[in-house]
């Protein structure tokens, strides 16, 4: 995001997305 679209507002950049992870004991 910093390389391609650093000035966009939070959540407004096409490079904003989540990383979801399932984990166990």
PDBML (XML) file of the C-alpha atoms, coordinates in Angstrom:
<?xml version="1.0" encoding="UTF-8" ?>
<PDBx:datablock datablockName="MODEL"
   xmlns:PDBx="http://pdbml.pdb.org/schema/pdbx-v50.xsd"
   xmlns:xsi="http://www.w3.org/2001/XMLSchema-instance"
   xsi:schemaLocation="http://pdbml.pdb.org/schema/pdbx-v50.xsd pdbx-v50.xsd">
   <PDBx:atom_siteCategory>
      <PDBx:atom_site id="1">
         <PDBx:B_iso_or_equiv>0.00</PDBx:B_iso_or_equiv>
         <PDBx:Cartn_x>0.000</PDBx:Cartn_x>
         <PDBx:Cartn_y>0.000</PDBx:Cartn_y>
         <PDBx:Cartn_z>0.000</PDBx:Cartn_z>
         <PDBx:auth_asym_id>A</PDBx:auth_asym_id>
         <PDBx:auth_atom_id>CA</PDBx:auth_atom_id>
         <PDBx:auth_comp_id>UNK</PDBx:auth_comp_id>
         <PDBx:auth_seq_id>1</PDBx:auth_seq_id>
         <PDBx:group_PDB>ATOM</PDBx:group_PDB>
         <PDBx:label_alt_id xsi:nil="true" />
         <PDBx:label_asym_id>A</PDBx:label_asym_id>
         <PDBx:label_atom_id>CA</PDBx:label_atom_id>
         <PDBx:label_comp_id>UNK</PDBx:label_comp_id>
         <PDBx:label_entity_id>1</PDBx:label_entity_id>
         <PDBx:label_seq_id>1</PDBx:label_seq_id>
         <PDBx:occupancy>1.00</PDBx:occupancy>
         <PDBx:pdbx_PDB_model_num>1</PDBx:pdbx_PDB_model_num>
         <PDBx:type_symbol>C</PDBx:type_symbol>
      </PDBx:atom_site>
      <PDBx:atom_site id="2">
         <PDBx:B_iso_or_equiv>0.00</PDBx:B_iso_or_equiv>
         <PDBx:Cartn_x>2.878</PDBx:Cartn_x>
         <PDBx:Cartn_y>2.334</PDBx:Cartn_y>
         <PDBx:Cartn_z>0.792</PDBx:Cartn_z>
         <PDBx:auth_asym_id>A</PDBx:auth_asym_id>
         <PDBx:auth_atom_id>CA</PDBx:auth_atom_id>
         <PDBx:auth_comp_id>UNK</PDBx:auth_comp_id>
         <PDBx:auth_seq_id>2</PDBx:auth_seq_id>
         <PDBx:group_PDB>ATOM</PDBx:group_PDB>
         <PDBx:label_alt_id xsi:nil="true" />
         <PDBx:label_asym_id>A</PDBx:label_asym_id>
         <PDBx:label_atom_id>CA</PDBx:label_atom_id>
         <PDBx:label_comp_id>UNK</PDBx:label_comp_id>
         <PDBx:label_entity_id>1</PDBx:label_entity_id>
         <PDBx:label_seq_id>2</PDBx:label_seq_id>
         <PDBx:occupancy>1.00</PDBx:occupancy>
         <PDBx:pdbx_PDB_model_num>1</PDBx:pdbx_PDB_model_num>
         <PDBx:type_symbol>C</PDBx:type_symbol>
      </PDBx:atom_site>
      <PDBx:atom_site id="3">
         <PDBx:B_iso_or_equiv>0.00</PDBx:B_iso_or_equiv>
         <PDBx:Cartn_x>4.473</PDBx:Cartn_x>
         <PDBx:Cartn_y>1.655</PDBx:Cartn_y>
         <PDBx:Cartn_z>-2.585</PDBx:Cartn_z>
         <PDBx:auth_asym_id>A</PDBx:auth_asym_id>
         <PDBx:auth_atom_id>CA</PDBx:auth_atom_id>
         <PDBx:auth_comp_id>UNK</PDBx:auth_comp_id>
         <PDBx:auth_seq_id>3</PDBx:auth_seq_id>
         <PDBx:group_PDB>ATOM</PDBx:group_PDB>
         <PDBx:label_alt_id xsi:nil="true" />
         <PDBx:label_asym_id>A</PDBx:label_asym_id>
         <PDBx:label_atom_id>CA</PDBx:label_atom_id>
         <PDBx:label_comp_id>UNK</PDBx:label_comp_id>
         <PDBx:label_entity_id>1</PDBx:label_entity_id>
         <PDBx:label_seq_id>3</PDBx:label_seq_id>
         <PDBx:occupancy>1.00</PDBx:occupancy>
         <PDBx:pdbx_PDB_model_num>1</PDBx:pdbx_PDB_model_num>
         <PDBx:type_symbol>C</PDBx:type_symbol>
      </PDBx:atom_site>
      <PDBx:atom_site id="4">
         <PDBx:B_iso_or_equiv>0.00</PDBx:B_iso_or_equiv>
         <PDBx:Cartn_x>1.326</PDBx:Cartn_x>
         <PDBx:Cartn_y>2.018</PDBx:Cartn_y>
         <PDBx:Cartn_z>-4.648</PDBx:Cartn_z>
         <PDBx:auth_asym_id>A</PDBx:auth_asym_id>
         <PDBx:auth_atom_id>CA</PDBx:auth_atom_id>
         <PDBx:auth_comp_id>UNK</PDBx:auth_comp_id>
         <PDBx:auth_seq_id>4</PDBx:auth_seq_id>
         <PDBx:group_PDB>ATOM</PDBx:group_PDB>
         <PDBx:label_alt_id xsi:nil="true" />
         <PDBx:label_asym_id>A</PDBx:label_asym_id>
         <PDBx:label_atom_id>CA</PDBx:label_atom_id>
         <PDBx:label_comp_id>UNK</PDBx:label_comp_id>
         <PDBx:label_entity_id>1</PDBx:label_entity_id>
         <PDBx:label_seq_id>4</PDBx:label_seq_id>
         <PDBx:occupancy>1.00</PDBx:occupancy>
         <PDBx:pdbx_PDB_model_num>1</PDBx:pdbx_PDB_model_num>
         <PDBx:type_symbol>C</PDBx:type_symbol>
      </PDBx:atom_site>
      <PDBx:atom_site id="5">
         <PDBx:B_iso_or_equiv>0.00</PDBx:B_iso_or_equiv>
         <PDBx:Cartn_x>-1.281</PDBx:Cartn_x>
         <PDBx:Cartn_y>4.083</PDBx:Cartn_y>
         <PDBx:Cartn_z>-2.807</PDBx:Cartn_z>
         <PDBx:auth_asym_id>A</PDBx:auth_asym_id>
         <PDBx:auth_atom_id>CA</PDBx:auth_atom_id>
         <PDBx:auth_comp_id>UNK</PDBx:auth_comp_id>
         <PDBx:auth_seq_id>5</PDBx:auth_seq_id>
         <PDBx:group_PDB>ATOM</PDBx:group_PDB>
         <PDBx:label_alt_id xsi:nil="true" />
         <PDBx:label_asym_id>A</PDBx:label_asym_id>
         <PDBx:label_atom_id>CA</PDBx:label_atom_id>
         <PDBx:label_comp_id>UNK</PDBx:label_comp_id>
         <PDBx:label_entity_id>1</PDBx:label_entity_id>
         <PDBx:label_seq_id>5</PDBx:label_seq_id>
         <PDBx:occupancy>1.00</PDBx:occupancy>
         <PDBx:pdbx_PDB_model_num>1</PDBx:pdbx_PDB_model_num>
         <PDBx:type_symbol>C</PDBx:type_symbol>
      </PDBx:atom_site>
      <PDBx:atom_site id="6">
         <PDBx:B_iso_or_equiv>0.00</PDBx:B_iso_or_equiv>
         <PDBx:Cartn_x>0.072</PDBx:Cartn_x>
         <PDBx:Cartn_y>5.653</PDBx:Cartn_y>
         <PDBx:Cartn_z>0.400</PDBx:Cartn_z>
         <PDBx:auth_asym_id>A</PDBx:auth_asym_id>
         <PDBx:auth_atom_id>CA</PDBx:auth_atom_id>
         <PDBx:auth_comp_id>UNK</PDBx:auth_comp_id>
         <PDBx:auth_seq_id>6</PDBx:auth_seq_id>
         <PDBx:group_PDB>ATOM</PDBx:group_PDB>
         <PDBx:label_alt_id xsi:nil="true" />
         <PDBx:label_asym_id>A</PDBx:label_asym_id>
         <PDBx:label_atom_id>CA</PDBx:label_atom_id>
         <PDBx:label_comp_id>UNK</PDBx:label_comp_id>
         <PDBx:label_entity_id>1</PDBx:label_entity_id>
         <PDBx:label_seq_id>6</PDBx:label_seq_id>
         <PDBx:occupancy>1.00</PDBx:occupancy>
         <PDBx:pdbx_PDB_model_num>1</PDBx:pdbx_PDB_model_num>
         <PDBx:type_symbol>C</PDBx:type_symbol>
      </PDBx:atom_site>
      <PDBx:atom_site id="7">
         <PDBx:B_iso_or_equiv>0.00</PDBx:B_iso_or_equiv>
         <PDBx:Cartn_x>-2.167</PDBx:Cartn_x>
         <PDBx:Cartn_y>8.708</PDBx:Cartn_y>
         <PDBx:Cartn_z>0.489</PDBx:Cartn_z>
         <PDBx:auth_asym_id>A</PDBx:auth_asym_id>
         <PDBx:auth_atom_id>CA</PDBx:auth_atom_id>
         <PDBx:auth_comp_id>UNK</PDBx:auth_comp_id>
         <PDBx:auth_seq_id>7</PDBx:auth_seq_id>
         <PDBx:group_PDB>ATOM</PDBx:group_PDB>
         <PDBx:label_alt_id xsi:nil="true" />
         <PDBx:label_asym_id>A</PDBx:label_asym_id>
         <PDBx:label_atom_id>CA</PDBx:label_atom_id>
         <PDBx:label_comp_id>UNK</PDBx:label_comp_id>
         <PDBx:label_entity_id>1</PDBx:label_entity_id>
         <PDBx:label_seq_id>7</PDBx:label_seq_id>
         <PDBx:occupancy>1.00</PDBx:occupancy>
         <PDBx:pdbx_PDB_model_num>1</PDBx:pdbx_PDB_model_num>
         <PDBx:type_symbol>C</PDBx:type_symbol>
      </PDBx:atom_site>
      <PDBx:atom_site id="8">
         <PDBx:B_iso_or_equiv>0.00</PDBx:B_iso_or_equiv>
         <PDBx:Cartn_x>-5.583</PDBx:Cartn_x>
         <PDBx:Cartn_y>7.017</PDBx:Cartn_y>
         <PDBx:Cartn_z>0.302</PDBx:Cartn_z>
         <PDBx:auth_asym_id>A</PDBx:auth_asym_id>
         <PDBx:auth_atom_id>CA</PDBx:auth_atom_id>
         <PDBx:auth_comp_id>UNK</PDBx:auth_comp_id>
         <PDBx:auth_seq_id>8</PDBx:auth_seq_id>
         <PDBx:group_PDB>ATOM</PDBx:group_PDB>
         <PDBx:label_alt_id xsi:nil="true" />
         <PDBx:label_asym_id>A</PDBx:label_asym_id>
         <PDBx:label_atom_id>CA</PDBx:label_atom_id>
         <PDBx:label_comp_id>UNK</PDBx:label_comp_id>
         <PDBx:label_entity_id>1</PDBx:label_entity_id>
         <PDBx:label_seq_id>8</PDBx:label_seq_id>
         <PDBx:occupancy>1.00</PDBx:occupancy>
         <PDBx:pdbx_PDB_model_num>1</PDBx:pdbx_PDB_model_num>
         <PDBx:type_symbol>C</PDBx:type_symbol>
      </PDBx:atom_site>
      <PDBx:atom_site id="9">
         <PDBx:B_iso_or_equiv>0.00</PDBx:B_iso_or_equiv>
         <PDBx:Cartn_x>-7.851</PDBx:Cartn_x>
         <PDBx:Cartn_y>7.231</PDBx:Cartn_y>
         <PDBx:Cartn_z>3.331</PDBx:Cartn_z>
         <PDBx:auth_asym_id>A</PDBx:auth_asym_id>
         <PDBx:auth_atom_id>CA</PDBx:auth_atom_id>
         <PDBx:auth_comp_id>UNK</PDBx:auth_comp_id>
         <PDBx:auth_seq_id>9</PDBx:auth_seq_id>
         <PDBx:group_PDB>ATOM</PDBx:group_PDB>
         <PDBx:label_alt_id xsi:nil="true" />
         <PDBx:label_asym_id>A</PDBx:label_asym_id>
         <PDBx:label_atom_id>CA</PDBx:label_atom_id>
         <PDBx:label_comp_id>UNK</PDBx:label_comp_id>
         <PDBx:label_entity_id>1</PDBx:label_entity_id>
         <PDBx:label_seq_id>9</PDBx:label_seq_id>
         <PDBx:occupancy>1.00</PDBx:occupancy>
         <PDBx:pdbx_PDB_model_num>1</PDBx:pdbx_PDB_model_num>
         <PDBx:type_symbol>C</PDBx:type_symbol>
      </PDBx:atom_site>
      <PDBx:atom_site id="10">
         <PDBx:B_iso_or_equiv>0.00</PDBx:B_iso_or_equiv>
         <PDBx:Cartn_x>-8.112</PDBx:Cartn_x>
         <PDBx:Cartn_y>4.063</PDBx:Cartn_y>
         <PDBx:Cartn_z>5.455</PDBx:Cartn_z>
         <PDBx:auth_asym_id>A</PDBx:auth_asym_id>
         <PDBx:auth_atom_id>CA</PDBx:auth_atom_id>
         <PDBx:auth_comp_id>UNK</PDBx:auth_comp_id>
         <PDBx:auth_seq_id>10</PDBx:auth_seq_id>
         <PDBx:group_PDB>ATOM</PDBx:group_PDB>
         <PDBx:label_alt_id xsi:nil="true" />
         <PDBx:label_asym_id>A</PDBx:label_asym_id>
         <PDBx:label_atom_id>CA</PDBx:label_atom_id>
         <PDBx:label_comp_id>UNK</PDBx:label_comp_id>
         <PDBx:label_entity_id>1</PDBx:label_entity_id>
         <PDBx:label_seq_id>10</PDBx:label_seq_id>
         <PDBx:occupancy>1.00</PDBx:occupancy>
         <PDBx:pdbx_PDB_model_num>1</PDBx:pdbx_PDB_model_num>
         <PDBx:type_symbol>C</PDBx:type_symbol>
      </PDBx:atom_site>
      <PDBx:atom_site id="11">
         <PDBx:B_iso_or_equiv>0.00</PDBx:B_iso_or_equiv>
         <PDBx:Cartn_x>-10.328</PDBx:Cartn_x>
         <PDBx:Cartn_y>1.516</PDBx:Cartn_y>
         <PDBx:Cartn_z>3.733</PDBx:Cartn_z>
         <PDBx:auth_asym_id>A</PDBx:auth_asym_id>
         <PDBx:auth_atom_id>CA</PDBx:auth_atom_id>
         <PDBx:auth_comp_id>UNK</PDBx:auth_comp_id>
         <PDBx:auth_seq_id>11</PDBx:auth_seq_id>
         <PDBx:group_PDB>ATOM</PDBx:group_PDB>
         <PDBx:label_alt_id xsi:nil="true" />
         <PDBx:label_asym_id>A</PDBx:label_asym_id>
         <PDBx:label_atom_id>CA</PDBx:label_atom_id>
         <PDBx:label_comp_id>UNK</PDBx:label_comp_id>
         <PDBx:label_entity_id>1</PDBx:label_entity_id>
         <PDBx:label_seq_id>11</PDBx:label_seq_id>
         <PDBx:occupancy>1.00</PDBx:occupancy>
         <PDBx:pdbx_PDB_model_num>1</PDBx:pdbx_PDB_model_num>
         <PDBx:type_symbol>C</PDBx:type_symbol>
      </PDBx:atom_site>
      <PDBx:atom_site id="12">
         <PDBx:B_iso_or_equiv>0.00</PDBx:B_iso_or_equiv>
         <PDBx:Cartn_x>-10.448</PDBx:Cartn_x>
         <PDBx:Cartn_y>3.496</PDBx:Cartn_y>
         <PDBx:Cartn_z>0.501</PDBx:Cartn_z>
         <PDBx:auth_asym_id>A</PDBx:auth_asym_id>
         <PDBx:auth_atom_id>CA</PDBx:auth_atom_id>
         <PDBx:auth_comp_id>UNK</PDBx:auth_comp_id>
         <PDBx:auth_seq_id>12</PDBx:auth_seq_id>
         <PDBx:group_PDB>ATOM</PDBx:group_PDB>
         <PDBx:label_alt_id xsi:nil="true" />
         <PDBx:label_asym_id>A</PDBx:label_asym_id>
         <PDBx:label_atom_id>CA</PDBx:label_atom_id>
         <PDBx:label_comp_id>UNK</PDBx:label_comp_id>
         <PDBx:label_entity_id>1</PDBx:label_entity_id>
         <PDBx:label_seq_id>12</PDBx:label_seq_id>
         <PDBx:occupancy>1.00</PDBx:occupancy>
         <PDBx:pdbx_PDB_model_num>1</PDBx:pdbx_PDB_model_num>
         <PDBx:type_symbol>C</PDBx:type_symbol>
      </PDBx:atom_site>
      <PDBx:atom_site id="13">
         <PDBx:B_iso_or_equiv>0.00</PDBx:B_iso_or_equiv>
         <PDBx:Cartn_x>-7.463</PDBx:Cartn_x>
         <PDBx:Cartn_y>2.006</PDBx:Cartn_y>
         <PDBx:Cartn_z>-1.305</PDBx:Cartn_z>
         <PDBx:auth_asym_id>A</PDBx:auth_asym_id>
         <PDBx:auth_atom_id>CA</PDBx:auth_atom_id>
         <PDBx:auth_comp_id>UNK</PDBx:auth_comp_id>
         <PDBx:auth_seq_id>13</PDBx:auth_seq_id>
         <PDBx:group_PDB>ATOM</PDBx:group_PDB>
         <PDBx:label_alt_id xsi:nil="true" />
         <PDBx:label_asym_id>A</PDBx:label_asym_id>
         <PDBx:label_atom_id>CA</PDBx:label_atom_id>
         <PDBx:label_comp_id>UNK</PDBx:label_comp_id>
         <PDBx:label_entity_id>1</PDBx:label_entity_id>
         <PDBx:label_seq_id>13</PDBx:label_seq_id>
         <PDBx:occupancy>1.00</PDBx:occupancy>
         <PDBx:pdbx_PDB_model_num>1</PDBx:pdbx_PDB_model_num>
         <PDBx:type_symbol>C</PDBx:type_symbol>
      </PDBx:atom_site>
      <PDBx:atom_site id="14">
         <PDBx:B_iso_or_equiv>0.00</PDBx:B_iso_or_equiv>
         <PDBx:Cartn_x>-7.755</PDBx:Cartn_x>
         <PDBx:Cartn_y>-0.990</PDBx:Cartn_y>
         <PDBx:Cartn_z>-3.656</PDBx:Cartn_z>
         <PDBx:auth_asym_id>A</PDBx:auth_asym_id>
         <PDBx:auth_atom_id>CA</PDBx:auth_atom_id>
         <PDBx:auth_comp_id>UNK</PDBx:auth_comp_id>
         <PDBx:auth_seq_id>14</PDBx:auth_seq_id>
         <PDBx:group_PDB>ATOM</PDBx:group_PDB>
         <PDBx:label_alt_id xsi:nil="true" />
         <PDBx:label_asym_id>A</PDBx:label_asym_id>
         <PDBx:label_atom_id>CA</PDBx:label_atom_id>
         <PDBx:label_comp_id>UNK</PDBx:label_comp_id>
         <PDBx:label_entity_id>1</PDBx:label_entity_id>
         <PDBx:label_seq_id>14</PDBx:label_seq_id>
         <PDBx:occupancy>1.00</PDBx:occupancy>
         <PDBx:pdbx_PDB_model_num>1</PDBx:pdbx_PDB_model_num>
         <PDBx:type_symbol>C</PDBx:type_symbol>
      </PDBx:atom_site>
      <PDBx:atom_site id="15">
         <PDBx:B_iso_or_equiv>0.00</PDBx:B_iso_or_equiv>
         <PDBx:Cartn_x>-4.807</PDBx:Cartn_x>
         <PDBx:Cartn_y>-2.341</PDBx:Cartn_y>
         <PDBx:Cartn_z>-1.692</PDBx:Cartn_z>
         <PDBx:auth_asym_id>A</PDBx:auth_asym_id>
         <PDBx:auth_atom_id>CA</PDBx:auth_atom_id>
         <PDBx:auth_comp_id>UNK</PDBx:auth_comp_id>
         <PDBx:auth_seq_id>15</PDBx:auth_seq_id>
         <PDBx:group_PDB>ATOM</PDBx:group_PDB>
         <PDBx:label_alt_id xsi:nil="true" />
         <PDBx:label_asym_id>A</PDBx:label_asym_id>
         <PDBx:label_atom_id>CA</PDBx:label_atom_id>
         <PDBx:label_comp_id>UNK</PDBx:label_comp_id>
         <PDBx:label_entity_id>1</PDBx:label_entity_id>
         <PDBx:label_seq_id>15</PDBx:label_seq_id>
         <PDBx:occupancy>1.00</PDBx:occupancy>
         <PDBx:pdbx_PDB_model_num>1</PDBx:pdbx_PDB_model_num>
         <PDBx:type_symbol>C</PDBx:type_symbol>
      </PDBx:atom_site>
      <PDBx:atom_site id="16">
         <PDBx:B_iso_or_equiv>0.00</PDBx:B_iso_or_equiv>
         <PDBx:Cartn_x>-6.704</PDBx:Cartn_x>
         <PDBx:Cartn_y>-2.479</PDBx:Cartn_y>
         <PDBx:Cartn_z>1.599</PDBx:Cartn_z>
         <PDBx:auth_asym_id>A</PDBx:auth_asym_id>
         <PDBx:auth_atom_id>CA</PDBx:auth_atom_id>
         <PDBx:auth_comp_id>UNK</PDBx:auth_comp_id>
         <PDBx:auth_seq_id>16</PDBx:auth_seq_id>
         <PDBx:group_PDB>ATOM</PDBx:group_PDB>
         <PDBx:label_alt_id xsi:nil="true" />
         <PDBx:label_asym_id>A</PDBx:label_asym_id>
         <PDBx:label_atom_id>CA</PDBx:label_atom_id>
         <PDBx:label_comp_id>UNK</PDBx:label_comp_id>
         <PDBx:label_entity_id>1</PDBx:label_entity_id>
         <PDBx:label_seq_id>16</PDBx:label_seq_id>
         <PDBx:occupancy>1.00</PDBx:occupancy>
         <PDBx:pdbx_PDB_model_num>1</PDBx:pdbx_PDB_model_num>
         <PDBx:type_symbol>C</PDBx:type_symbol>
      </PDBx:atom_site>
      <PDBx:atom_site id="17">
         <PDBx:B_iso_or_equiv>0.00</PDBx:B_iso_or_equiv>
         <PDBx:Cartn_x>-7.657</PDBx:Cartn_x>
         <PDBx:Cartn_y>-6.014</PDBx:Cartn_y>
         <PDBx:Cartn_z>2.573</PDBx:Cartn_z>
         <PDBx:auth_asym_id>A</PDBx:auth_asym_id>
         <PDBx:auth_atom_id>CA</PDBx:auth_atom_id>
         <PDBx:auth_comp_id>UNK</PDBx:auth_comp_id>
         <PDBx:auth_seq_id>17</PDBx:auth_seq_id>
         <PDBx:group_PDB>ATOM</PDBx:group_PDB>
         <PDBx:label_alt_id xsi:nil="true" />
         <PDBx:label_asym_id>A</PDBx:label_asym_id>
         <PDBx:label_atom_id>CA</PDBx:label_atom_id>
         <PDBx:label_comp_id>UNK</PDBx:label_comp_id>
         <PDBx:label_entity_id>1</PDBx:label_entity_id>
         <PDBx:label_seq_id>17</PDBx:label_seq_id>
         <PDBx:occupancy>1.00</PDBx:occupancy>
         <PDBx:pdbx_PDB_model_num>1</PDBx:pdbx_PDB_model_num>
         <PDBx:type_symbol>C</PDBx:type_symbol>
      </PDBx:atom_site>
      <PDBx:atom_site id="18">
         <PDBx:B_iso_or_equiv>0.00</PDBx:B_iso_or_equiv>
         <PDBx:Cartn_x>-7.604</PDBx:Cartn_x>
         <PDBx:Cartn_y>-8.405</PDBx:Cartn_y>
         <PDBx:Cartn_z>5.522</PDBx:Cartn_z>
         <PDBx:auth_asym_id>A</PDBx:auth_asym_id>
         <PDBx:auth_atom_id>CA</PDBx:auth_atom_id>
         <PDBx:auth_comp_id>UNK</PDBx:auth_comp_id>
         <PDBx:auth_seq_id>18</PDBx:auth_seq_id>
         <PDBx:group_PDB>ATOM</PDBx:group_PDB>
         <PDBx:label_alt_id xsi:nil="true" />
         <PDBx:label_asym_id>A</PDBx:label_asym_id>
         <PDBx:label_atom_id>CA</PDBx:label_atom_id>
         <PDBx:label_comp_id>UNK</PDBx:label_comp_id>
         <PDBx:label_entity_id>1</PDBx:label_entity_id>
         <PDBx:label_seq_id>18</PDBx:label_seq_id>
         <PDBx:occupancy>1.00</PDBx:occupancy>
         <PDBx:pdbx_PDB_model_num>1</PDBx:pdbx_PDB_model_num>
         <PDBx:type_symbol>C</PDBx:type_symbol>
      </PDBx:atom_site>
      <PDBx:atom_site id="19">
         <PDBx:B_iso_or_equiv>0.00</PDBx:B_iso_or_equiv>
         <PDBx:Cartn_x>-5.518</PDBx:Cartn_x>
         <PDBx:Cartn_y>-11.435</PDBx:Cartn_y>
         <PDBx:Cartn_z>6.369</PDBx:Cartn_z>
         <PDBx:auth_asym_id>A</PDBx:auth_asym_id>
         <PDBx:auth_atom_id>CA</PDBx:auth_atom_id>
         <PDBx:auth_comp_id>UNK</PDBx:auth_comp_id>
         <PDBx:auth_seq_id>19</PDBx:auth_seq_id>
         <PDBx:group_PDB>ATOM</PDBx:group_PDB>
         <PDBx:label_alt_id xsi:nil="true" />
         <PDBx:label_asym_id>A</PDBx:label_asym_id>
         <PDBx:label_atom_id>CA</PDBx:label_atom_id>
         <PDBx:label_comp_id>UNK</PDBx:label_comp_id>
         <PDBx:label_entity_id>1</PDBx:label_entity_id>
         <PDBx:label_seq_id>19</PDBx:label_seq_id>
         <PDBx:occupancy>1.00</PDBx:occupancy>
         <PDBx:pdbx_PDB_model_num>1</PDBx:pdbx_PDB_model_num>
         <PDBx:type_symbol>C</PDBx:type_symbol>
      </PDBx:atom_site>
      <PDBx:atom_site id="20">
         <PDBx:B_iso_or_equiv>0.00</PDBx:B_iso_or_equiv>
         <PDBx:Cartn_x>-7.569</PDBx:Cartn_x>
         <PDBx:Cartn_y>-14.102</PDBx:Cartn_y>
         <PDBx:Cartn_z>8.159</PDBx:Cartn_z>
         <PDBx:auth_asym_id>A</PDBx:auth_asym_id>
         <PDBx:auth_atom_id>CA</PDBx:auth_atom_id>
         <PDBx:auth_comp_id>UNK</PDBx:auth_comp_id>
         <PDBx:auth_seq_id>20</PDBx:auth_seq_id>
         <PDBx:group_PDB>ATOM</PDBx:group_PDB>
         <PDBx:label_alt_id xsi:nil="true" />
         <PDBx:label_asym_id>A</PDBx:label_asym_id>
         <PDBx:label_atom_id>CA</PDBx:label_atom_id>
         <PDBx:label_comp_id>UNK</PDBx:label_comp_id>
         <PDBx:label_entity_id>1</PDBx:label_entity_id>
         <PDBx:label_seq_id>20</PDBx:label_seq_id>
         <PDBx:occupancy>1.00</PDBx:occupancy>
         <PDBx:pdbx_PDB_model_num>1</PDBx:pdbx_PDB_model_num>
         <PDBx:type_symbol>C</PDBx:type_symbol>
      </PDBx:atom_site>
      <PDBx:atom_site id="21">
         <PDBx:B_iso_or_equiv>0.00</PDBx:B_iso_or_equiv>
         <PDBx:Cartn_x>-5.964</PDBx:Cartn_x>
         <PDBx:Cartn_y>-17.043</PDBx:Cartn_y>
         <PDBx:Cartn_z>9.912</PDBx:Cartn_z>
         <PDBx:auth_asym_id>A</PDBx:auth_asym_id>
         <PDBx:auth_atom_id>CA</PDBx:auth_atom_id>
         <PDBx:auth_comp_id>UNK</PDBx:auth_comp_id>
         <PDBx:auth_seq_id>21</PDBx:auth_seq_id>
         <PDBx:group_PDB>ATOM</PDBx:group_PDB>
         <PDBx:label_alt_id xsi:nil="true" />
         <PDBx:label_asym_id>A</PDBx:label_asym_id>
         <PDBx:label_atom_id>CA</PDBx:label_atom_id>
         <PDBx:label_comp_id>UNK</PDBx:label_comp_id>
         <PDBx:label_entity_id>1</PDBx:label_entity_id>
         <PDBx:label_seq_id>21</PDBx:label_seq_id>
         <PDBx:occupancy>1.00</PDBx:occupancy>
         <PDBx:pdbx_PDB_model_num>1</PDBx:pdbx_PDB_model_num>
         <PDBx:type_symbol>C</PDBx:type_symbol>
      </PDBx:atom_site>
      <PDBx:atom_site id="22">
         <PDBx:B_iso_or_equiv>0.00</PDBx:B_iso_or_equiv>
         <PDBx:Cartn_x>-7.350</PDBx:Cartn_x>
         <PDBx:Cartn_y>-20.106</PDBx:Cartn_y>
         <PDBx:Cartn_z>11.680</PDBx:Cartn_z>
         <PDBx:auth_asym_id>A</PDBx:auth_asym_id>
         <PDBx:auth_atom_id>CA</PDBx:auth_atom_id>
         <PDBx:auth_comp_id>UNK</PDBx:auth_comp_id>
         <PDBx:auth_seq_id>22</PDBx:auth_seq_id>
         <PDBx:group_PDB>ATOM</PDBx:group_PDB>
         <PDBx:label_alt_id xsi:nil="true" />
         <PDBx:label_asym_id>A</PDBx:label_asym_id>
         <PDBx:label_atom_id>CA</PDBx:label_atom_id>
         <PDBx:label_comp_id>UNK</PDBx:label_comp_id>
         <PDBx:label_entity_id>1</PDBx:label_entity_id>
         <PDBx:label_seq_id>22</PDBx:label_seq_id>
         <PDBx:occupancy>1.00</PDBx:occupancy>
         <PDBx:pdbx_PDB_model_num>1</PDBx:pdbx_PDB_model_num>
         <PDBx:type_symbol>C</PDBx:type_symbol>
      </PDBx:atom_site>
      <PDBx:atom_site id="23">
         <PDBx:B_iso_or_equiv>0.00</PDBx:B_iso_or_equiv>
         <PDBx:Cartn_x>-5.054</PDBx:Cartn_x>
         <PDBx:Cartn_y>-21.520</PDBx:Cartn_y>
         <PDBx:Cartn_z>14.375</PDBx:Cartn_z>
         <PDBx:auth_asym_id>A</PDBx:auth_asym_id>
         <PDBx:auth_atom_id>CA</PDBx:auth_atom_id>
         <PDBx:auth_comp_id>UNK</PDBx:auth_comp_id>
         <PDBx:auth_seq_id>23</PDBx:auth_seq_id>
         <PDBx:group_PDB>ATOM</PDBx:group_PDB>
         <PDBx:label_alt_id xsi:nil="true" />
         <PDBx:label_asym_id>A</PDBx:label_asym_id>
         <PDBx:label_atom_id>CA</PDBx:label_atom_id>
         <PDBx:label_comp_id>UNK</PDBx:label_comp_id>
         <PDBx:label_entity_id>1</PDBx:label_entity_id>
         <PDBx:label_seq_id>23</PDBx:label_seq_id>
         <PDBx:occupancy>1.00</PDBx:occupancy>
         <PDBx:pdbx_PDB_model_num>1</PDBx:pdbx_PDB_model_num>
         <PDBx:type_symbol>C</PDBx:type_symbol>
      </PDBx:atom_site>
      <PDBx:atom_site id="24">
         <PDBx:B_iso_or_equiv>0.00</PDBx:B_iso_or_equiv>
         <PDBx:Cartn_x>-5.142</PDBx:Cartn_x>
         <PDBx:Cartn_y>-24.306</PDBx:Cartn_y>
         <PDBx:Cartn_z>16.926</PDBx:Cartn_z>
         <PDBx:auth_asym_id>A</PDBx:auth_asym_id>
         <PDBx:auth_atom_id>CA</PDBx:auth_atom_id>
         <PDBx:auth_comp_id>UNK</PDBx:auth_comp_id>
         <PDBx:auth_seq_id>24</PDBx:auth_seq_id>
         <PDBx:group_PDB>ATOM</PDBx:group_PDB>
         <PDBx:label_alt_id xsi:nil="true" />
         <PDBx:label_asym_id>A</PDBx:label_asym_id>
         <PDBx:label_atom_id>CA</PDBx:label_atom_id>
         <PDBx:label_comp_id>UNK</PDBx:label_comp_id>
         <PDBx:label_entity_id>1</PDBx:label_entity_id>
         <PDBx:label_seq_id>24</PDBx:label_seq_id>
         <PDBx:occupancy>1.00</PDBx:occupancy>
         <PDBx:pdbx_PDB_model_num>1</PDBx:pdbx_PDB_model_num>
         <PDBx:type_symbol>C</PDBx:type_symbol>
      </PDBx:atom_site>
      <PDBx:atom_site id="25">
         <PDBx:B_iso_or_equiv>0.00</PDBx:B_iso_or_equiv>
         <PDBx:Cartn_x>-3.637</PDBx:Cartn_x>
         <PDBx:Cartn_y>-25.029</PDBx:Cartn_y>
         <PDBx:Cartn_z>20.331</PDBx:Cartn_z>
         <PDBx:auth_asym_id>A</PDBx:auth_asym_id>
         <PDBx:auth_atom_id>CA</PDBx:auth_atom_id>
         <PDBx:auth_comp_id>UNK</PDBx:auth_comp_id>
         <PDBx:auth_seq_id>25</PDBx:auth_seq_id>
         <PDBx:group_PDB>ATOM</PDBx:group_PDB>
         <PDBx:label_alt_id xsi:nil="true" />
         <PDBx:label_asym_id>A</PDBx:label_asym_id>
         <PDBx:label_atom_id>CA</PDBx:label_atom_id>
         <PDBx:label_comp_id>UNK</PDBx:label_comp_id>
         <PDBx:label_entity_id>1</PDBx:label_entity_id>
         <PDBx:label_seq_id>25</PDBx:label_seq_id>
         <PDBx:occupancy>1.00</PDBx:occupancy>
         <PDBx:pdbx_PDB_model_num>1</PDBx:pdbx_PDB_model_num>
         <PDBx:type_symbol>C</PDBx:type_symbol>
      </PDBx:atom_site>
   </PDBx:atom_siteCategory>
</PDBx:datablock>
